[in-house]
Structure formats: structure tokens, C-alpha cells
Amino acid sequence: MAQPVVLLDHPAPHVARLRINRPDKRNAIDYDVRQGFIDHLQALLADGRTRALVFGGVEGVFSAGGDVPSMVGLSEAQARERMRHIHVLCRLVAQARIPVVSAMEGVTAGAAVGLALLGDRIVIGRNARVLFPFLKLGLAPDWGQLLTLPRRVGLPAAHRLLSDGRPVLGEEALRIGLADALAEDAEVMATAVRVASELALLPAEAFGRMKDRLHHPSASLEEELAREETDQAACLLGEDFLEGFDAFRRKRTADFIERPGARK
């Protein structure tokens, strides 16, 4: 029986990991990979048990990006349908209210960079390479990168990265803000799982509300204050705050999973 092109496992409590499993194609992302991600994400984001996600690839490579041969010879209708399918996955990742961590091992190119940028944290290997091949292929950047990349590295740096086609190595990625943590090459996935495990311990409701406001900035201070009022009122009435206050009062570490302070 053929192996699935997206592998799901749970490497730590409350953490789900999705890895691209096309080693013969350097984990290139095609329709089946996208659909595999979509199917798993829809289930994981609805199960109420998963508190953090990790994206990665098998055999020490995140992904060589989009499967280029599958893009050749499309009609306009097929090209648009391909993009709509990509955007289903983009929205699922971007709108996830739980932490999303990506493990940039080996090579991370094109579409895989876009996938990582839609999440919250990126861990990169010291000798890993990040590639932006779009213009070399005669294509505009996609997977939301003309929004997400400037948000991370700033507009001038984003323009340079997308235009010059030069690989970005681990230390530079960390320096310019493209990545959040640098790990030795053999430790990238373990580090990503550890980061996800730590984020999984945060109060889920407050994190989800914070993430939503960061990703969808208010147009004015008045709008932001109104959203803040709604969010904080919900949090103040929730069990996570009862647990946080009990932990504060008793000088212990809050447990936002079992929430013993909310049971009293």
C-alpha cells in the first residue's frame, strides 16, 4: 500500500505534526499534498484536543516548493481553480486559532515558504536554504507572500528577497526576522516540536483572540479599543482567567489545560 503524501502524528502532548512525504520529489507540494493538509487540518482544528501544530517534511527537507511540472499546460480555468485550492489551505492555516510552527530543514522554497509564513513561528537549520524562485519561473509570488513576507521582514527586504533569487541561509533568516529560532541542522524538527509544546501550554482562548487581532489589524484606535473590550470581557469571564488568577495568588505556574484553579 502506498504511503500517504502527508503524514500525521502527535510527537508531544496536545501537538499534532503534519509532514510532507514525497522524498523522491524533495517533498514538492502538488494537489494531493494540498488536499492532504486540508483534510487533516479540518479535522485537527475541530477536534478540541489539538493545541498546537507543526509543519515539516520527511528526510531532512521541508519542501522544494510547488510541483512545477503539474503547473504546465493549464487553461485559465484550471489555473484559477489551482489557485482557489491553494487558498483553501492558506485560509485554514492563517485562520487557525492555535499556534502553528514550521520546521525549515534542508530546503524550503516557494510555496513551502508561503505555508510557513502563514503560521506563527519558524525554526530554521543553520545550513538550511530558503528560496524564492517565482520570478525566475516567470511567476508572481503566491500563497499570500506579498502580504506575509513584508510583515515579517519589512518591505525593502521582501522586495530584495523576492527579486534577487539568492538563497537565504539560516543565520541570515534569523537576523532579518524571516525565522524565529536557529537550530543545528539535526535538531530543527525537535526544536520545532519543543516550541510547539511550549506554545500549547498558553491559554487557548486568549491566544486565539490575540492572534486574530494581530493578523487583522484595526483601522483605528477606536476600532481597536472596541475589539479589546469584547475580547477582554470574554477572557475575564472565562475559566482560563480563573486558573491564571489562582496561580498568581498561590505563586504557582498556571495550568491552562487542566485548570485546577477554575474547579474550586
C-alpha atoms as a PDB file:
ATOM      1  CA  MET A   1       0.000   0.000   0.000  1.00  0.00           C
ATOM      2  CA  ALA A   2       1.318   3.439  -0.963  1.00  0.00           C
ATOM      3  CA  GLN A   3       2.284   5.767   1.855  1.00  0.00           C
ATOM      4  CA  PRO A   4       0.142   8.912   2.257  1.00  0.00           C
ATOM      5  CA  VAL A   5       1.738  12.094   0.925  1.00  0.00           C
ATOM      6  CA  VAL A   6       1.011  13.877   4.216  1.00  0.00           C
ATOM      7  CA  LEU A   7       1.919  12.113   7.451  1.00  0.00           C
ATOM      8  CA  LEU A   8       0.126  12.905  10.705  1.00  0.00           C
ATOM      9  CA  ASP A   9       1.485  12.095  14.133  1.00  0.00           C
ATOM     10  CA  HIS A  10       1.488  13.537  17.638  1.00  0.00           C
ATOM     11  CA  PRO A  11       5.113  13.959  18.786  1.00  0.00           C
ATOM     12  CA  ALA A  12       4.191  15.666  22.068  1.00  0.00           C
ATOM     13  CA  PRO A  13       1.080  16.107  24.218  1.00  0.00           C
ATOM     14  CA  HIS A  14      -1.530  18.308  22.512  1.00  0.00           C
ATOM     15  CA  VAL A  15       0.777  18.790  19.486  1.00  0.00           C
ATOM     16  CA  ALA A  16      -0.070  17.495  16.004  1.00  0.00           C
ATOM     17  CA  ARG A  17       2.604  17.257  13.323  1.00  0.00           C
ATOM     18  CA  LEU A  18       1.961  17.239   9.569  1.00  0.00           C
ATOM     19  CA  ARG A  19       4.877  16.281   7.306  1.00  0.00           C
ATOM     20  CA  ILE A  20       5.057  16.200   3.528  1.00  0.00           C
ATOM     21  CA  ASN A  21       6.012  12.678   2.428  1.00  0.00           C
ATOM     22  CA  ARG A  22       7.309  12.886  -1.146  1.00  0.00           C
ATOM     23  CA  PRO A  23      11.040  12.310  -0.654  1.00  0.00           C
ATOM     24  CA  ASP A  24      11.570  11.367  -4.316  1.00  0.00           C
ATOM     25  CA  LYS A  25      10.285  14.852  -5.259  1.00  0.00           C
ATOM     26  CA  ARG A  26      12.058  16.664  -2.396  1.00  0.00           C
ATOM     27  CA  ASN A  27       8.618  16.993  -0.809  1.00  0.00           C
ATOM     28  CA  ALA A  28       7.253  19.179  -3.607  1.00  0.00           C
ATOM     29  CA  ILE A  29       3.689  20.335  -3.000  1.00  0.00           C
ATOM     30  CA  ASP A  30       1.105  19.144  -5.524  1.00  0.00           C
ATOM     31  CA  TYR A  31      -2.677  18.811  -5.426  1.00  0.00           C
ATOM     32  CA  ASP A  32      -2.585  15.647  -3.320  1.00  0.00           C
ATOM     33  CA  VAL A  33      -0.296  17.243  -0.725  1.00  0.00           C
ATOM     34  CA  ARG A  34      -2.520  20.310  -0.501  1.00  0.00           C
ATOM     35  CA  GLN A  35      -5.637  18.179  -0.137  1.00  0.00           C
ATOM     36  CA  GLY A  36      -3.929  16.040   2.482  1.00  0.00           C
ATOM     37  CA  PHE A  37      -3.126  19.132   4.505  1.00  0.00           C
ATOM     38  CA  ILE A  38      -6.679  20.419   4.084  1.00  0.00           C
ATOM     39  CA  ASP A  39      -8.276  17.157   5.212  1.00  0.00           C
ATOM     40  CA  HIS A  40      -6.054  16.823   8.279  1.00  0.00           C
ATOM     41  CA  LEU A  41      -6.345  20.473   9.268  1.00  0.00           C
ATOM     42  CA  GLN A  42     -10.117  20.495   9.065  1.00  0.00           C
ATOM     43  CA  ALA A  43     -10.216  17.556  11.462  1.00  0.00           C
ATOM     44  CA  LEU A  44      -7.475  18.769  13.813  1.00  0.00           C
ATOM     45  CA  LEU A  45      -8.797  22.302  14.140  1.00  0.00           C
ATOM     46  CA  ALA A  46     -12.216  20.953  15.080  1.00  0.00           C
ATOM     47  CA  ASP A  47     -11.203  18.182  17.487  1.00  0.00           C
ATOM     48  CA  GLY A  48     -10.835  20.380  20.590  1.00  0.00           C
ATOM     49  CA  ARG A  49      -7.717  18.458  21.676  1.00  0.00           C
ATOM     50  CA  THR A  50      -5.010  19.817  19.387  1.00  0.00           C
ATOM     51  CA  ARG A  51      -3.443  22.939  20.896  1.00  0.00           C
ATOM     52  CA  ALA A  52      -0.501  23.424  18.510  1.00  0.00           C
ATOM     53  CA  LEU A  53       0.593  22.332  15.033  1.00  0.00           C
ATOM     54  CA  VAL A  54       3.973  21.612  13.461  1.00  0.00           C
ATOM     55  CA  PHE A  55       4.591  21.624   9.705  1.00  0.00           C
ATOM     56  CA  GLY A  56       7.580  19.927   8.132  1.00  0.00           C
ATOM     57  CA  GLY A  57       8.807  17.357   5.658  1.00  0.00           C
ATOM     58  CA  VAL A  58      10.451  13.936   5.696  1.00  0.00           C
ATOM     59  CA  GLU A  59      14.128  13.045   5.302  1.00  0.00           C
ATOM     60  CA  GLY A  60      15.510  16.388   6.412  1.00  0.00           C
ATOM     61  CA  VAL A  61      13.836  18.549   3.769  1.00  0.00           C
ATOM     62  CA  PHE A  62      10.815  20.762   4.317  1.00  0.00           C
ATOM     63  CA  SER A  63       9.833  21.187   0.668  1.00  0.00           C
ATOM     64  CA  ALA A  64      11.197  22.166  -2.739  1.00  0.00           C
ATOM     65  CA  GLY A  65       8.032  24.240  -3.187  1.00  0.00           C
ATOM     66  CA  GLY A  66       5.248  23.831  -5.687  1.00  0.00           C
ATOM     67  CA  ASP A  67       5.349  20.845  -8.041  1.00  0.00           C
ATOM     68  CA  VAL A  68       6.330  22.791 -11.170  1.00  0.00           C
ATOM     69  CA  PRO A  69       5.592  20.098 -13.823  1.00  0.00           C
ATOM     70  CA  SER A  70       1.987  19.943 -12.593  1.00  0.00           C
ATOM     71  CA  MET A  71       1.584  23.650 -13.428  1.00  0.00           C
ATOM     72  CA  VAL A  72       2.397  23.315 -17.144  1.00  0.00           C
ATOM     73  CA  GLY A  73      -0.289  23.435 -19.832  1.00  0.00           C
ATOM     74  CA  LEU A  74      -3.160  24.677 -17.702  1.00  0.00           C
ATOM     75  CA  SER A  75      -6.126  26.527 -19.149  1.00  0.00           C
ATOM     76  CA  GLU A  76      -7.140  29.784 -17.466  1.00  0.00           C
ATOM     77  CA  ALA A  77      -9.986  27.972 -15.723  1.00  0.00           C
ATOM     78  CA  GLN A  78      -7.585  25.302 -14.457  1.00  0.00           C
ATOM     79  CA  ALA A  79      -5.049  27.922 -13.330  1.00  0.00           C
ATOM     80  CA  ARG A  80      -7.727  29.738 -11.366  1.00  0.00           C
ATOM     81  CA  GLU A  81      -9.015  26.501  -9.862  1.00  0.00           C
ATOM     82  CA  ARG A  82      -5.481  25.614  -8.795  1.00  0.00           C
ATOM     83  CA  MET A  83      -5.151  28.942  -7.002  1.00  0.00           C
ATOM     84  CA  ARG A  84      -8.542  28.571  -5.330  1.00  0.00           C
ATOM     85  CA  HIS A  85      -7.450  25.174  -3.995  1.00  0.00           C
ATOM     86  CA  ILE A  86      -4.235  26.701  -2.650  1.00  0.00           C
ATOM     87  CA  HIS A  87      -6.250  29.446  -0.998  1.00  0.00           C
ATOM     88  CA  VAL A  88      -8.451  26.976   0.876  1.00  0.00           C
ATOM     89  CA  LEU A  89      -5.295  25.736   2.572  1.00  0.00           C
ATOM     90  CA  CYS A  90      -3.916  29.259   3.074  1.00  0.00           C
ATOM     91  CA  ARG A  91      -7.074  30.344   4.873  1.00  0.00           C
ATOM     92  CA  LEU A  92      -7.127  27.263   7.108  1.00  0.00           C
ATOM     93  CA  VAL A  93      -3.567  27.918   8.275  1.00  0.00           C
ATOM     94  CA  ALA A  94      -3.896  31.684   8.614  1.00  0.00           C
ATOM     95  CA  GLN A  95      -7.200  31.463  10.480  1.00  0.00           C
ATOM     96  CA  ALA A  96      -6.131  28.692  12.848  1.00  0.00           C
ATOM     97  CA  ARG A  97      -6.588  29.981  16.390  1.00  0.00           C
ATOM     98  CA  ILE A  98      -3.878  27.677  17.722  1.00  0.00           C
ATOM     99  CA  PRO A  99      -0.090  28.124  17.393  1.00  0.00           C
ATOM    100  CA  VAL A 100       1.429  26.926  14.102  1.00  0.00           C
ATOM    101  CA  VAL A 101       5.178  26.195  13.957  1.00  0.00           C
ATOM    102  CA  SER A 102       7.164  25.322  10.812  1.00  0.00           C
ATOM    103  CA  ALA A 103      10.426  23.366  10.699  1.00  0.00           C
ATOM    104  CA  MET A 104      12.606  24.674   7.863  1.00  0.00           C
ATOM    105  CA  GLU A 105      15.019  21.799   7.309  1.00  0.00           C
ATOM    106  CA  GLY A 106      17.274  21.430   4.286  1.00  0.00           C
ATOM    107  CA  VAL A 107      15.480  23.301   1.512  1.00  0.00           C
ATOM    108  CA  THR A 108      12.356  25.419   1.852  1.00  0.00           C
ATOM    109  CA  ALA A 109      11.229  27.005  -1.400  1.00  0.00           C
ATOM    110  CA  GLY A 110       8.333  28.926  -2.906  1.00  0.00           C
ATOM    111  CA  ALA A 111       5.025  27.501  -1.764  1.00  0.00           C
ATOM    112  CA  ALA A 112       6.537  25.997   1.391  1.00  0.00           C
ATOM    113  CA  VAL A 113       7.870  29.407   2.410  1.00  0.00           C
ATOM    114  CA  GLY A 114       4.360  30.763   1.928  1.00  0.00           C
ATOM    115  CA  LEU A 115       2.929  27.978   4.083  1.00  0.00           C
ATOM    116  CA  ALA A 116       5.417  28.725   6.867  1.00  0.00           C
ATOM    117  CA  LEU A 117       4.762  32.469   6.722  1.00  0.00           C
ATOM    118  CA  LEU A 118       1.053  31.870   7.308  1.00  0.00           C
ATOM    119  CA  GLY A 119       1.886  30.347  10.693  1.00  0.00           C
ATOM    120  CA  ASP A 120       3.247  31.806  13.909  1.00  0.00           C
ATOM    121  CA  ARG A 121       6.796  30.559  14.446  1.00  0.00           C
ATOM    122  CA  ILE A 122       9.561  29.357  12.120  1.00  0.00           C
ATOM    123  CA  VAL A 123      12.533  27.254  13.220  1.00  0.00           C
ATOM    124  CA  ILE A 124      15.370  27.030  10.689  1.00  0.00           C
ATOM    125  CA  GLY A 125      18.522  24.956  10.406  1.00  0.00           C
ATOM    126  CA  ARG A 126      21.911  26.639  10.417  1.00  0.00           C
ATOM    127  CA  ASN A 127      22.678  25.356   6.911  1.00  0.00           C
ATOM    128  CA  ALA A 128      19.105  25.331   5.628  1.00  0.00           C
ATOM    129  CA  ARG A 129      18.327  27.285   2.470  1.00  0.00           C
ATOM    130  CA  VAL A 130      15.220  29.367   1.814  1.00  0.00           C
ATOM    131  CA  LEU A 131      14.463  30.039  -1.843  1.00  0.00           C
ATOM    132  CA  PHE A 132      12.096  32.424  -3.613  1.00  0.00           C
ATOM    133  CA  PRO A 133      12.021  31.103  -7.221  1.00  0.00           C
ATOM    134  CA  PHE A 134       8.867  32.778  -8.507  1.00  0.00           C
ATOM    135  CA  LEU A 135      10.315  35.463 -10.779  1.00  0.00           C
ATOM    136  CA  LYS A 136      12.872  33.028 -12.230  1.00  0.00           C
ATOM    137  CA  LEU A 137       9.908  30.938 -13.357  1.00  0.00           C
ATOM    138  CA  GLY A 138       8.029  33.913 -14.762  1.00  0.00           C
ATOM    139  CA  LEU A 139       5.516  33.771 -11.921  1.00  0.00           C
ATOM    140  CA  ALA A 140       4.335  36.271  -9.324  1.00  0.00           C
ATOM    141  CA  PRO A 141       4.737  35.229  -5.671  1.00  0.00           C
ATOM    142  CA  ASP A 142       1.697  33.432  -4.282  1.00  0.00           C
ATOM    143  CA  TRP A 143       0.462  31.724  -1.107  1.00  0.00           C
ATOM    144  CA  GLY A 144      -0.103  35.211   0.329  1.00  0.00           C
ATOM    145  CA  GLN A 145       3.605  36.066   0.407  1.00  0.00           C
ATOM    146  CA  LEU A 146       3.281  39.634  -0.862  1.00  0.00           C
ATOM    147  CA  LEU A 147       1.391  40.285   2.389  1.00  0.00           C
ATOM    148  CA  THR A 148       3.061  37.935   4.863  1.00  0.00           C
ATOM    149  CA  LEU A 149       6.715  38.381   3.870  1.00  0.00           C
ATOM    150  CA  PRO A 150       6.783  42.206   4.226  1.00  0.00           C
ATOM    151  CA  ARG A 151       5.009  41.858   7.558  1.00  0.00           C
ATOM    152  CA  ARG A 152       7.917  39.744   8.776  1.00  0.00           C
ATOM    153  CA  VAL A 153      10.982  41.327   7.226  1.00  0.00           C
ATOM    154  CA  GLY A 154       9.828  44.754   6.033  1.00  0.00           C
ATOM    155  CA  LEU A 155       9.064  45.957   2.529  1.00  0.00           C
ATOM    156  CA  PRO A 156      12.616  46.666   1.281  1.00  0.00           C
ATOM    157  CA  ALA A 157      13.923  43.289   2.450  1.00  0.00           C
ATOM    158  CA  ALA A 158      10.904  41.488   0.993  1.00  0.00           C
ATOM    159  CA  HIS A 159      11.449  43.193  -2.355  1.00  0.00           C
ATOM    160  CA  ARG A 160      15.100  42.166  -2.328  1.00  0.00           C
ATOM    161  CA  LEU A 161      14.428  38.550  -1.339  1.00  0.00           C
ATOM    162  CA  LEU A 162      11.769  38.087  -3.994  1.00  0.00           C
ATOM    163  CA  SER A 163      13.731  39.871  -6.731  1.00  0.00           C
ATOM    164  CA  ASP A 164      17.294  38.640  -6.498  1.00  0.00           C
ATOM    165  CA  GLY A 165      16.620  34.925  -6.143  1.00  0.00           C
ATOM    166  CA  ARG A 166      19.565  34.422  -3.794  1.00  0.00           C
ATOM    167  CA  PRO A 167      19.251  31.604  -1.227  1.00  0.00           C
ATOM    168  CA  VAL A 168      18.822  32.761   2.348  1.00  0.00           C
ATOM    169  CA  LEU A 169      20.739  30.663   4.877  1.00  0.00           C
ATOM    170  CA  GLY A 170      19.758  30.028   8.462  1.00  0.00           C
ATOM    171  CA  GLU A 171      21.697  32.731  10.261  1.00  0.00           C
ATOM    172  CA  GLU A 172      20.591  35.424   7.818  1.00  0.00           C
ATOM    173  CA  ALA A 173      16.989  34.253   8.055  1.00  0.00           C
ATOM    174  CA  LEU A 174      17.133  34.676  11.815  1.00  0.00           C
ATOM    175  CA  ARG A 175      18.862  38.053  11.561  1.00  0.00           C
ATOM    176  CA  ILE A 176      16.293  39.595   9.204  1.00  0.00           C
ATOM    177  CA  GLY A 177      13.287  38.136  11.036  1.00  0.00           C
ATOM    178  CA  LEU A 178      12.351  35.525   8.441  1.00  0.00           C
ATOM    179  CA  ALA A 179      12.839  32.866  11.125  1.00  0.00           C
ATOM    180  CA  ASP A 180      12.297  32.964  14.877  1.00  0.00           C
ATOM    181  CA  ALA A 181      14.797  30.350  16.040  1.00  0.00           C
ATOM    182  CA  LEU A 182      18.036  28.888  14.703  1.00  0.00           C
ATOM    183  CA  ALA A 183      18.889  25.243  15.374  1.00  0.00           C
ATOM    184  CA  GLU A 184      21.637  22.873  14.390  1.00  0.00           C
ATOM    185  CA  ASP A 185      20.578  21.002  11.273  1.00  0.00           C
ATOM    186  CA  ALA A 186      19.897  17.718  13.085  1.00  0.00           C
ATOM    187  CA  GLU A 187      17.833  19.489  15.761  1.00  0.00           C
ATOM    188  CA  VAL A 188      15.406  21.547  13.674  1.00  0.00           C
ATOM    189  CA  MET A 189      12.384  19.275  13.970  1.00  0.00           C
ATOM    190  CA  ALA A 190      12.972  18.531  17.654  1.00  0.00           C
ATOM    191  CA  THR A 191      13.270  22.266  18.310  1.00  0.00           C
ATOM    192  CA  ALA A 192      10.056  22.980  16.388  1.00  0.00           C
ATOM    193  CA  VAL A 193       8.220  20.337  18.409  1.00  0.00           C
ATOM    194  CA  ARG A 194       9.574  21.813  21.648  1.00  0.00           C
ATOM    195  CA  VAL A 195       8.471  25.316  20.643  1.00  0.00           C
ATOM    196  CA  ALA A 196       5.012  23.995  19.738  1.00  0.00           C
ATOM    197  CA  SER A 197       4.822  22.157  23.068  1.00  0.00           C
ATOM    198  CA  GLU A 198       5.562  25.369  24.947  1.00  0.00           C
ATOM    199  CA  LEU A 199       3.000  27.331  22.942  1.00  0.00           C
ATOM    200  CA  ALA A 200       0.418  24.607  23.544  1.00  0.00           C
ATOM    201  CA  LEU A 201       0.510  25.481  27.246  1.00  0.00           C
ATOM    202  CA  LEU A 202      -0.755  29.030  26.652  1.00  0.00           C
ATOM    203  CA  PRO A 203      -4.405  29.948  27.348  1.00  0.00           C
ATOM    204  CA  ALA A 204      -6.127  28.929  24.118  1.00  0.00           C
ATOM    205  CA  GLU A 205      -8.931  31.496  24.083  1.00  0.00           C
ATOM    206  CA  ALA A 206      -6.711  34.475  24.828  1.00  0.00           C
ATOM    207  CA  PHE A 207      -4.097  33.296  22.324  1.00  0.00           C
ATOM    208  CA  GLY A 208      -6.698  32.845  19.600  1.00  0.00           C
ATOM    209  CA  ARG A 209      -8.143  36.310  20.170  1.00  0.00           C
ATOM    210  CA  MET A 210      -4.676  37.890  20.255  1.00  0.00           C
ATOM    211  CA  LYS A 211      -3.681  36.117  17.039  1.00  0.00           C
ATOM    212  CA  ASP A 212      -6.854  37.185  15.269  1.00  0.00           C
ATOM    213  CA  ARG A 213      -6.294  40.857  16.126  1.00  0.00           C
ATOM    214  CA  LEU A 214      -2.625  40.747  15.150  1.00  0.00           C
ATOM    215  CA  HIS A 215      -3.464  39.195  11.778  1.00  0.00           C
ATOM    216  CA  HIS A 216      -6.366  41.571  11.163  1.00  0.00           C
ATOM    217  CA  PRO A 217      -5.207  44.960  12.472  1.00  0.00           C
ATOM    218  CA  SER A 218      -7.778  47.556  13.382  1.00  0.00           C
ATOM    219  CA  ALA A 219      -8.169  50.556  11.094  1.00  0.00           C
ATOM    220  CA  SER A 220      -8.222  52.992  14.003  1.00  0.00           C
ATOM    221  CA  LEU A 221      -7.603  53.235  17.735  1.00  0.00           C
ATOM    222  CA  GLU A 222     -11.340  53.414  18.378  1.00  0.00           C
ATOM    223  CA  GLU A 223     -11.914  50.169  16.491  1.00  0.00           C
ATOM    224  CA  GLU A 224      -9.060  48.512  18.358  1.00  0.00           C
ATOM    225  CA  LEU A 225     -10.394  49.631  21.742  1.00  0.00           C
ATOM    226  CA  ALA A 226     -13.832  48.269  20.872  1.00  0.00           C
ATOM    227  CA  ARG A 227     -12.364  44.908  19.879  1.00  0.00           C
ATOM    228  CA  GLU A 228     -10.212  44.945  23.005  1.00  0.00           C
ATOM    229  CA  GLU A 229     -13.293  45.484  25.166  1.00  0.00           C
ATOM    230  CA  THR A 230     -15.058  42.499  23.611  1.00  0.00           C
ATOM    231  CA  ASP A 231     -12.057  40.208  23.879  1.00  0.00           C
ATOM    232  CA  GLN A 232     -11.089  41.131  27.402  1.00  0.00           C
ATOM    233  CA  ALA A 233     -14.661  40.852  28.670  1.00  0.00           C
ATOM    234  CA  ALA A 234     -14.826  37.307  27.277  1.00  0.00           C
ATOM    235  CA  CYS A 235     -11.477  36.428  28.813  1.00  0.00           C
ATOM    236  CA  LEU A 236     -12.320  37.911  32.215  1.00  0.00           C
ATOM    237  CA  LEU A 237     -15.422  35.703  32.340  1.00  0.00           C
ATOM    238  CA  GLY A 238     -13.573  32.565  31.222  1.00  0.00           C
ATOM    239  CA  GLU A 239     -12.047  29.640  33.103  1.00  0.00           C
ATOM    240  CA  ASP A 240      -8.531  30.454  31.900  1.00  0.00           C
ATOM    241  CA  PHE A 241      -8.580  33.701  33.878  1.00  0.00           C
ATOM    242  CA  LEU A 242      -9.821  31.860  36.976  1.00  0.00           C
ATOM    243  CA  GLU A 243      -6.884  29.492  36.601  1.00  0.00           C
ATOM    244  CA  GLY A 244      -4.439  32.330  35.910  1.00  0.00           C
ATOM    245  CA  PHE A 245      -5.607  34.298  38.935  1.00  0.00           C
ATOM    246  CA  ASP A 246      -5.462  31.260  41.217  1.00  0.00           C
ATOM    247  CA  ALA A 247      -1.932  30.533  40.023  1.00  0.00           C
ATOM    248  CA  PHE A 248      -0.959  34.187  40.544  1.00  0.00           C
ATOM    249  CA  ARG A 249      -2.448  34.207  44.041  1.00  0.00           C
ATOM    250  CA  ARG A 250      -0.775  30.930  45.047  1.00  0.00           C
ATOM    251  CA  LYS A 251       2.528  31.722  43.312  1.00  0.00           C
ATOM    252  CA  ARG A 252       2.435  28.614  41.128  1.00  0.00           C
ATOM    253  CA  THR A 253       2.676  28.039  37.390  1.00  0.00           C
ATOM    254  CA  ALA A 254      -0.697  28.270  35.681  1.00  0.00           C
ATOM    255  CA  ASP A 255      -2.016  25.101  34.043  1.00  0.00           C
ATOM    256  CA  PHE A 256      -4.322  26.209  31.243  1.00  0.00           C
ATOM    257  CA  ILE A 257      -5.033  22.626  30.168  1.00  0.00           C
ATOM    258  CA  GLU A 258      -6.342  21.057  33.396  1.00  0.00           C
ATOM    259  CA  ARG A 259      -7.175  24.451  35.001  1.00  0.00           C
ATOM    260  CA  PRO A 260      -7.341  23.302  38.653  1.00  0.00           C
ATOM    261  CA  GLY A 261      -7.918  26.858  39.859  1.00  0.00           C
ATOM    262  CA  ALA A 262     -11.165  27.075  37.894  1.00  0.00           C
ATOM    263  CA  ARG A 263     -12.539  23.967  39.594  1.00  0.00           C
ATOM    264  CA  LYS A 264     -12.615  25.464  43.077  1.00  0.00           C
END
